[in-house]
PDB file of N, CA and C in Angstrom:
ATOM      1  N   MET A   1       0.857  -1.184   0.000  1.00  0.00           N
ATOM      2  CA  MET A   1       0.000   0.000   0.000  1.00  0.00           C
ATOM      3  C   MET A   1       0.896   1.238   0.000  1.00  0.00           C
ATOM      4  N   VAL A   2       0.526   2.212  -0.798  1.00  0.00           N
ATOM      5  CA  VAL A   2       1.213   3.501  -0.825  1.00  0.00           C
ATOM      6  C   VAL A   2       0.276   4.526  -0.206  1.00  0.00           C
ATOM      7  N   TYR A   3       0.801   5.284   0.748  1.00  0.00           N
ATOM      8  CA  TYR A   3       0.031   6.348   1.386  1.00  0.00           C
ATOM      9  C   TYR A   3       0.437   7.671   0.755  1.00  0.00           C
ATOM     10  N   LYS A   4      -0.532   8.371   0.192  1.00  0.00           N
ATOM     11  CA  LYS A   4      -0.308   9.719  -0.323  1.00  0.00           C
ATOM     12  C   LYS A   4      -0.800  10.656   0.772  1.00  0.00           C
ATOM     13  N   ILE A   5       0.131  11.382   1.378  1.00  0.00           N
ATOM     14  CA  ILE A   5      -0.172  12.172   2.568  1.00  0.00           C
ATOM     15  C   ILE A   5      -0.045  13.653   2.258  1.00  0.00           C
ATOM     16  N   SER A   6      -1.111  14.385   2.531  1.00  0.00           N
ATOM     17  CA  SER A   6      -1.109  15.834   2.412  1.00  0.00           C
ATOM     18  C   SER A   6      -0.807  16.407   3.795  1.00  0.00           C
ATOM     19  N   TYR A   7       0.396  16.967   3.962  1.00  0.00           N
ATOM     20  CA  TYR A   7       0.783  17.580   5.235  1.00  0.00           C
ATOM     21  C   TYR A   7       0.459  19.066   5.185  1.00  0.00           C
ATOM     22  N   VAL A   8      -0.285  19.548   6.178  1.00  0.00           N
ATOM     23  CA  VAL A   8      -0.645  20.957   6.297  1.00  0.00           C
ATOM     24  C   VAL A   8      -0.143  21.448   7.648  1.00  0.00           C
ATOM     25  N   VAL A   9       0.530  22.604   7.658  1.00  0.00           N
ATOM     26  CA  VAL A   9       1.088  23.168   8.891  1.00  0.00           C
ATOM     27  C   VAL A   9       0.087  24.146   9.487  1.00  0.00           C
ATOM     28  N   GLN A  10      -0.204  23.982  10.788  1.00  0.00           N
ATOM     29  CA  GLN A  10      -1.223  24.790  11.482  1.00  0.00           C
ATOM     30  C   GLN A  10      -1.021  26.283  11.330  1.00  0.00           C
ATOM     31  N   SER A  11       0.187  26.761  11.503  1.00  0.00           N
ATOM     32  CA  SER A  11       0.427  28.206  11.509  1.00  0.00           C
ATOM     33  C   SER A  11       0.230  28.840  10.135  1.00  0.00           C
ATOM     34  N   GLY A  12       0.283  28.043   9.092  1.00  0.00           N
ATOM     35  CA  GLY A  12       0.110  28.570   7.745  1.00  0.00           C
ATOM     36  C   GLY A  12       1.342  29.261   7.192  1.00  0.00           C
ATOM     37  N   ASP A  13       2.434  29.288   7.965  1.00  0.00           N
ATOM     38  CA  ASP A  13       3.644  29.962   7.495  1.00  0.00           C
ATOM     39  C   ASP A  13       4.616  29.006   6.796  1.00  0.00           C
ATOM     40  N   HIS A  14       4.148  27.803   6.503  1.00  0.00           N
ATOM     41  CA  HIS A  14       4.931  26.816   5.755  1.00  0.00           C
ATOM     42  C   HIS A  14       3.995  26.214   4.710  1.00  0.00           C
ATOM     43  N   PRO A  15       4.471  25.984   3.494  1.00  0.00           N
ATOM     44  CA  PRO A  15       3.569  25.488   2.446  1.00  0.00           C
ATOM     45  C   PRO A  15       3.096  24.052   2.623  1.00  0.00           C
ATOM     46  N   GLY A  16       3.706  23.295   3.555  1.00  0.00           N
ATOM     47  CA  GLY A  16       3.324  21.895   3.708  1.00  0.00           C
ATOM     48  C   GLY A  16       3.892  21.071   2.570  1.00  0.00           C
ATOM     49  N   ALA A  17       3.326  19.883   2.350  1.00  0.00           N
ATOM     50  CA  ALA A  17       3.854  19.006   1.301  1.00  0.00           C
ATOM     51  C   ALA A  17       2.883  17.871   1.034  1.00  0.00           C
ATOM     52  N   ILE A  18       3.038  17.257  -0.123  1.00  0.00           N
ATOM     53  CA  ILE A  18       2.360  15.999  -0.426  1.00  0.00           C
ATOM     54  C   ILE A  18       3.462  14.961  -0.571  1.00  0.00           C
ATOM     55  N   VAL A  19       3.350  13.890   0.225  1.00  0.00           N
ATOM     56  CA  VAL A  19       4.426  12.904   0.339  1.00  0.00           C
ATOM     57  C   VAL A  19       3.873  11.503   0.112  1.00  0.00           C
ATOM     58  N   ASN A  20       4.615  10.663  -0.581  1.00  0.00           N
ATOM     59  CA  ASN A  20       4.300   9.239  -0.695  1.00  0.00           C
ATOM     60  C   ASN A  20       5.063   8.500   0.398  1.00  0.00           C
ATOM     61  N   ALA A  21       4.398   7.573   1.081  1.00  0.00           N
ATOM     62  CA  ALA A  21       5.038   6.807   2.153  1.00  0.00           C
ATOM     63  C   ALA A  21       4.497   5.383   2.155  1.00  0.00           C
ATOM     64  N   VAL A  22       5.241   4.469   2.773  1.00  0.00           N
ATOM     65  CA  VAL A  22       4.791   3.074   2.866  1.00  0.00           C
ATOM     66  C   VAL A  22       4.106   2.792   4.198  1.00  0.00           C
ATOM     67  N   THR A  23       4.182   3.741   5.138  1.00  0.00           N
ATOM     68  CA  THR A  23       3.465   3.624   6.414  1.00  0.00           C
ATOM     69  C   THR A  23       2.687   4.912   6.651  1.00  0.00           C
ATOM     70  N   PRO A  24       1.518   4.830   7.274  1.00  0.00           N
ATOM     71  CA  PRO A  24       0.737   6.043   7.524  1.00  0.00           C
ATOM     72  C   PRO A  24       1.313   6.823   8.701  1.00  0.00           C
ATOM     73  N   PRO A  25       1.122   8.140   8.721  1.00  0.00           N
ATOM     74  CA  PRO A  25       1.564   8.919   9.873  1.00  0.00           C
ATOM     75  C   PRO A  25       0.650   8.652  11.067  1.00  0.00           C
ATOM     76  N   GLN A  26       1.203   8.815  12.253  1.00  0.00           N
ATOM     77  CA  GLN A  26       0.451   8.662  13.499  1.00  0.00           C
ATOM     78  C   GLN A  26       0.571   9.961  14.288  1.00  0.00           C
ATOM     79  N   ILE A  27      -0.422  10.262  15.106  1.00  0.00           N
ATOM     80  CA  ILE A  27      -0.357  11.441  15.972  1.00  0.00           C
ATOM     81  C   ILE A  27       0.880  11.320  16.854  1.00  0.00           C
ATOM     82  N   GLY A  28       1.647  12.398  16.928  1.00  0.00           N
ATOM     83  CA  GLY A  28       2.878  12.412  17.714  1.00  0.00           C
ATOM     84  C   GLY A  28       4.126  12.145  16.895  1.00  0.00           C
ATOM     85  N   ASP A  29       3.962  11.625  15.675  1.00  0.00           N
ATOM     86  CA  ASP A  29       5.124  11.396  14.807  1.00  0.00           C
ATOM     87  C   ASP A  29       5.795  12.718  14.480  1.00  0.00           C
ATOM     88  N   ARG A  30       7.088  12.649  14.239  1.00  0.00           N
ATOM     89  CA  ARG A  30       7.824  13.806  13.739  1.00  0.00           C
ATOM     90  C   ARG A  30       8.046  13.609  12.253  1.00  0.00           C
ATOM     91  N   VAL A  31       7.904  14.692  11.514  1.00  0.00           N
ATOM     92  CA  VAL A  31       8.063  14.617  10.059  1.00  0.00           C
ATOM     93  C   VAL A  31       8.941  15.781   9.603  1.00  0.00           C
ATOM     94  N   GLN A  32       9.839  15.491   8.672  1.00  0.00           N
ATOM     95  CA  GLN A  32      10.718  16.499   8.095  1.00  0.00           C
ATOM     96  C   GLN A  32      10.072  17.014   6.817  1.00  0.00           C
ATOM     97  N   LEU A  33       9.781  18.306   6.769  1.00  0.00           N
ATOM     98  CA  LEU A  33       9.242  18.946   5.561  1.00  0.00           C
ATOM     99  C   LEU A  33      10.243  20.017   5.156  1.00  0.00           C
ATOM    100  N   GLY A  34      10.951  19.777   4.082  1.00  0.00           N
ATOM    101  CA  GLY A  34      12.034  20.683   3.714  1.00  0.00           C
ATOM    102  C   GLY A  34      13.128  20.589   4.757  1.00  0.00           C
ATOM    103  N   SER A  35      13.570  21.723   5.266  1.00  0.00           N
ATOM    104  CA  SER A  35      14.637  21.733   6.273  1.00  0.00           C
ATOM    105  C   SER A  35      14.095  21.813   7.698  1.00  0.00           C
ATOM    106  N   GLU A  36      12.780  21.773   7.856  1.00  0.00           N
ATOM    107  CA  GLU A  36      12.172  21.931   9.176  1.00  0.00           C
ATOM    108  C   GLU A  36      11.492  20.653   9.650  1.00  0.00           C
ATOM    109  N   GLU A  37      11.380  20.521  10.990  1.00  0.00           N
ATOM    110  CA  GLU A  37      10.756  19.349  11.585  1.00  0.00           C
ATOM    111  C   GLU A  37       9.442  19.751  12.262  1.00  0.00           C
ATOM    112  N   PHE A  38       8.427  18.893  12.086  1.00  0.00           N
ATOM    113  CA  PHE A  38       7.093  19.159  12.606  1.00  0.00           C
ATOM    114  C   PHE A  38       6.577  17.936  13.343  1.00  0.00           C
ATOM    115  N   GLU A  39       5.547  18.154  14.174  1.00  0.00           N
ATOM    116  CA  GLU A  39       4.883  17.064  14.888  1.00  0.00           C
ATOM    117  C   GLU A  39       3.469  16.898  14.344  1.00  0.00           C
ATOM    118  N   VAL A  40       3.082  15.662  14.054  1.00  0.00           N
ATOM    119  CA  VAL A  40       1.743  15.366  13.544  1.00  0.00           C
ATOM    120  C   VAL A  40       0.743  15.453  14.697  1.00  0.00           C
ATOM    121  N   VAL A  41      -0.319  16.252  14.518  1.00  0.00           N
ATOM    122  CA  VAL A  41      -1.325  16.428  15.575  1.00  0.00           C
ATOM    123  C   VAL A  41      -2.701  15.891  15.179  1.00  0.00           C
ATOM    124  N   GLU A  42      -2.893  15.570  13.892  1.00  0.00           N
ATOM    125  CA  GLU A  42      -4.194  15.078  13.430  1.00  0.00           C
ATOM    126  C   GLU A  42      -3.983  14.314  12.122  1.00  0.00           C
ATOM    127  N   VAL A  43      -4.687  13.198  11.979  1.00  0.00           N
ATOM    128  CA  VAL A  43      -4.626  12.410  10.742  1.00  0.00           C
ATOM    129  C   VAL A  43      -6.033  11.934  10.408  1.00  0.00           C
ATOM    130  N   PHE A  44      -6.443  12.088   9.148  1.00  0.00           N
ATOM    131  CA  PHE A  44      -7.719  11.509   8.730  1.00  0.00           C
ATOM    132  C   PHE A  44      -7.695  11.193   7.240  1.00  0.00           C
ATOM    133  N   ASP A  45      -8.607  10.311   6.827  1.00  0.00           N
ATOM    134  CA  ASP A  45      -8.728   9.910   5.424  1.00  0.00           C
ATOM    135  C   ASP A  45      -9.279  11.059   4.599  1.00  0.00           C
ATOM    136  N   LEU A  46      -8.681  11.290   3.438  1.00  0.00           N
ATOM    137  CA  LEU A  46      -9.229  12.267   2.496  1.00  0.00           C
ATOM    138  C   LEU A  46     -10.321  11.638   1.647  1.00  0.00           C
ATOM    139  N   MET A  47     -10.124  10.373   1.302  1.00  0.00           N
ATOM    140  CA  MET A  47     -11.100   9.618   0.507  1.00  0.00           C
ATOM    141  C   MET A  47     -10.798   8.142   0.712  1.00  0.00           C
ATOM    142  N   PRO A  48     -11.728   7.283   0.349  1.00  0.00           N
ATOM    143  CA  PRO A  48     -11.465   5.844   0.506  1.00  0.00           C
ATOM    144  C   PRO A  48     -10.248   5.404  -0.317  1.00  0.00           C
ATOM    145  N   ALA A  49      -9.573   4.380   0.164  1.00  0.00           N
ATOM    146  CA  ALA A  49      -8.422   3.834  -0.562  1.00  0.00           C
ATOM    147  C   ALA A  49      -8.871   3.378  -1.950  1.00  0.00           C
ATOM    148  N   ARG A  50      -7.965   3.539  -2.922  1.00  0.00           N
ATOM    149  CA  ARG A  50      -8.248   3.113  -4.301  1.00  0.00           C
ATOM    150  C   ARG A  50      -7.078   2.282  -4.791  1.00  0.00           C
ATOM    151  N   GLY A  51      -7.330   1.007  -4.998  1.00  0.00           N
ATOM    152  CA  GLY A  51      -6.252   0.127  -5.435  1.00  0.00           C
ATOM    153  C   GLY A  51      -5.140   0.091  -4.405  1.00  0.00           C
ATOM    154  N   GLU A  52      -3.947   0.433  -4.834  1.00  0.00           N
ATOM    155  CA  GLU A  52      -2.774   0.424  -3.948  1.00  0.00           C
ATOM    156  C   GLU A  52      -2.580   1.746  -3.205  1.00  0.00           C
ATOM    157  N   PHE A  53      -3.457   2.729  -3.431  1.00  0.00           N
ATOM    158  CA  PHE A  53      -3.254   4.060  -2.859  1.00  0.00           C
ATOM    159  C   PHE A  53      -4.265   4.383  -1.766  1.00  0.00           C
ATOM    160  N   HIS A  54      -3.765   4.959  -0.682  1.00  0.00           N
ATOM    161  CA  HIS A  54      -4.591   5.420   0.429  1.00  0.00           C
ATOM    162  C   HIS A  54      -4.286   6.911   0.581  1.00  0.00           C
ATOM    163  N   PHE A  55      -5.299   7.757   0.590  1.00  0.00           N
ATOM    164  CA  PHE A  55      -5.123   9.206   0.610  1.00  0.00           C
ATOM    165  C   PHE A  55      -5.417   9.750   2.009  1.00  0.00           C
ATOM    166  N   LEU A  56      -4.422  10.398   2.620  1.00  0.00           N
ATOM    167  CA  LEU A  56      -4.545  10.895   3.993  1.00  0.00           C
ATOM    168  C   LEU A  56      -4.223  12.380   4.078  1.00  0.00           C
ATOM    169  N   HIS A  57      -4.808  13.021   5.088  1.00  0.00           N
ATOM    170  CA  HIS A  57      -4.480  14.398   5.453  1.00  0.00           C
ATOM    171  C   HIS A  57      -3.832  14.339   6.829  1.00  0.00           C
ATOM    172  N   ALA A  58      -2.745  15.074   7.021  1.00  0.00           N
ATOM    173  CA  ALA A  58      -2.097  15.154   8.332  1.00  0.00           C
ATOM    174  C   ALA A  58      -1.836  16.620   8.658  1.00  0.00           C
ATOM    175  N   THR A  59      -2.365  17.068   9.793  1.00  0.00           N
ATOM    176  CA  THR A  59      -2.100  18.418  10.270  1.00  0.00           C
ATOM    177  C   THR A  59      -0.889  18.358  11.185  1.00  0.00           C
ATOM    178  N   CYS A  60       0.026  19.324  11.024  1.00  0.00           N
ATOM    179  CA  CYS A  60       1.270  19.339  11.794  1.00  0.00           C
ATOM    180  C   CYS A  60       1.453  20.677  12.485  1.00  0.00           C
ATOM    181  N   LYS A  61       2.271  20.646  13.536  1.00  0.00           N
ATOM    182  CA  LYS A  61       2.682  21.897  14.178  1.00  0.00           C
ATOM    183  C   LYS A  61       4.200  21.913  14.253  1.00  0.00           C
ATOM    184  N   ARG A  62       4.741  23.100  14.219  1.00  0.00           N
ATOM    185  CA  ARG A  62       6.187  23.280  14.296  1.00  0.00           C
ATOM    186  C   ARG A  62       6.671  22.803  15.666  1.00  0.00           C
ATOM    187  N   LEU A  63       7.782  22.079  15.696  1.00  0.00           N
ATOM    188  CA  LEU A  63       8.331  21.610  16.970  1.00  0.00           C
ATOM    189  C   LEU A  63       8.975  22.769  17.718  1.00  0.00           C
ATOM    190  N   SER A  64       8.809  22.774  19.033  1.00  0.00           N
ATOM    191  CA  SER A  64       9.492  23.772  19.854  1.00  0.00           C
ATOM    192  C   SER A  64      10.984  23.451  19.855  1.00  0.00           C
ATOM    193  N   GLN A  65      11.821  24.408  20.205  1.00  0.00           N
ATOM    194  CA  GLN A  65      13.273  24.189  20.231  1.00  0.00           C
ATOM    195  C   GLN A  65      13.633  23.055  21.183  1.00  0.00           C
ATOM    196  N   ASP A  66      12.960  22.962  22.354  1.00  0.00           N
ATOM    197  CA  ASP A  66      13.248  21.893  23.316  1.00  0.00           C
ATOM    198  C   ASP A  66      12.994  20.522  22.707  1.00  0.00           C
ATOM    199  N   LYS A  67      11.876  20.368  21.992  1.00  0.00           N
ATOM    200  CA  LYS A  67      11.564  19.074  21.377  1.00  0.00           C
ATOM    201  C   LYS A  67      12.554  18.746  20.269  1.00  0.00           C
ATOM    202  N   ARG A  68      12.989  19.762  19.518  1.00  0.00           N
ATOM    203  CA  ARG A  68      13.987  19.512  18.471  1.00  0.00           C
ATOM    204  C   ARG A  68      15.302  19.061  19.078  1.00  0.00           C
ATOM    205  N   ASP A  69      15.619  19.585  20.271  1.00  0.00           N
ATOM    206  CA  ASP A  69      16.869  19.230  20.954  1.00  0.00           C
ATOM    207  C   ASP A  69      16.744  17.951  21.759  1.00  0.00           C
ATOM    208  N   GLY A  70      15.544  17.344  21.787  1.00  0.00           N
ATOM    209  CA  GLY A  70      15.341  16.089  22.505  1.00  0.00           C
ATOM    210  C   GLY A  70      15.142  16.247  23.997  1.00  0.00           C
ATOM    211  N   LYS A  71      14.753  17.429  24.452  1.00  0.00           N
ATOM    212  CA  LYS A  71      14.540  17.667  25.898  1.00  0.00           C
ATOM    213  C   LYS A  71      13.115  17.397  26.291  1.00  0.00           C
TER     214      LYS A  71
END
């Protein structure tokens, strides 16, 4: 299964991305979009799966400096 994921950033100050992946995102996951790292806060289906493709939406928020540093 291929997951086509539409990542949208809450603040709106990042364009987000559409990414193909072999595993779906989960709430709390960290994702690299360009040179920045974000945390997934919401995931839902955009439409029913079709063949080998599953279409998902994931809302993300920018990681705080402490979380980026692993604190």
